Amino acid sequence: MTRRFLDAGYAAIQLHTESYRFPAIKTDLTPGYVPSIASAQASIARKEGCRALQWPFTPDAWHATA
């Protein structure tokens, strides 16, 4: 699905997944989607989610690629 959007010329693709749905979040992170951190509360939720998934919490890198 992502390839279809990119081929159609979209530059930004957003996925929306509830912060407690860890398997879905891992599915989103695996191909390279990066979390959006729009608030301190979102940062805490992303950090907890990454810890639960044993995924690196790297918000500086995510901002650089967003």
Protein backbone atom coordinates (compact mmCIF):
# COMPACT_ATOMS: atom_id res chain seq x y z
CA MET A 1 0.00 0.00 0.00
CA THR A 2 2.79 2.44 0.85
CA ARG A 3 4.35 1.96 -2.57
CA ARG A 4 1.09 2.93 -4.26
CA PHE A 5 1.00 6.24 -2.37
CA LEU A 6 4.64 7.00 -3.14
CA ASP A 7 4.16 6.12 -6.81
CA ALA A 8 1.15 8.47 -6.88
CA GLY A 9 3.39 11.33 -5.72
CA TYR A 10 2.47 11.60 -2.06
CA ALA A 11 5.38 12.93 -0.01
CA ALA A 12 3.93 12.29 3.45
CA ILE A 13 1.88 9.32 4.58
CA GLN A 14 0.36 9.15 8.05
CA LEU A 15 -0.86 6.13 9.94
CA HIS A 16 -2.97 6.43 13.04
CA THR A 17 -2.66 3.72 15.67
CA GLU A 18 -3.71 3.87 19.31
CA SER A 19 -0.67 4.01 21.59
CA TYR A 20 -1.65 0.85 23.49
CA ARG A 21 -1.80 -1.35 20.35
CA PHE A 22 1.81 -2.52 20.52
CA PRO A 23 1.68 -5.21 17.79
CA ALA A 24 0.14 -2.70 15.36
CA ILE A 25 2.76 -0.10 16.25
CA LYS A 26 5.56 -2.59 15.62
CA THR A 27 3.98 -3.35 12.25
CA ASP A 28 4.10 0.38 11.46
CA LEU A 29 7.68 0.85 12.66
CA THR A 30 9.15 -2.17 10.87
CA PRO A 31 8.94 -0.77 7.30
CA GLY A 32 10.26 2.61 8.45
CA TYR A 33 7.32 4.74 9.54
CA VAL A 34 8.31 7.05 12.37
CA PRO A 35 6.19 8.12 15.35
CA SER A 36 4.88 11.64 15.61
CA ILE A 37 5.53 13.31 18.94
CA ALA A 38 3.39 16.41 19.18
CA SER A 39 3.33 16.78 22.96
CA ALA A 40 5.03 15.74 26.17
CA GLN A 41 2.22 13.24 26.76
CA ALA A 42 2.80 11.70 23.30
CA SER A 43 6.52 11.47 24.05
CA ILE A 44 5.84 9.51 27.23
CA ALA A 45 3.45 7.17 25.41
CA ARG A 46 5.96 6.58 22.59
CA LYS A 47 8.77 5.95 25.06
CA GLU A 48 6.66 3.40 26.96
CA GLY A 49 5.60 1.76 23.72
CA CYS A 50 9.16 1.47 22.47
CA ARG A 51 10.24 -0.04 25.78
CA ALA A 52 7.40 -2.60 25.59
CA LEU A 53 8.37 -3.46 22.01
CA GLN A 54 12.10 -3.48 22.76
CA TRP A 55 12.44 -0.87 20.00
CA PRO A 56 14.90 2.03 20.22
CA PHE A 57 13.36 5.29 21.40
CA THR A 58 15.09 7.81 19.11
CA PRO A 59 12.89 10.91 18.79
CA ASP A 60 15.74 13.09 17.47
CA ALA A 61 16.25 10.69 14.57
CA TRP A 62 12.51 10.52 13.95
CA HIS A 63 12.24 14.32 13.72
CA ALA A 64 15.11 14.35 11.22
CA THR A 65 13.30 11.95 8.88
CA ALA A 66 9.78 13.35 9.29
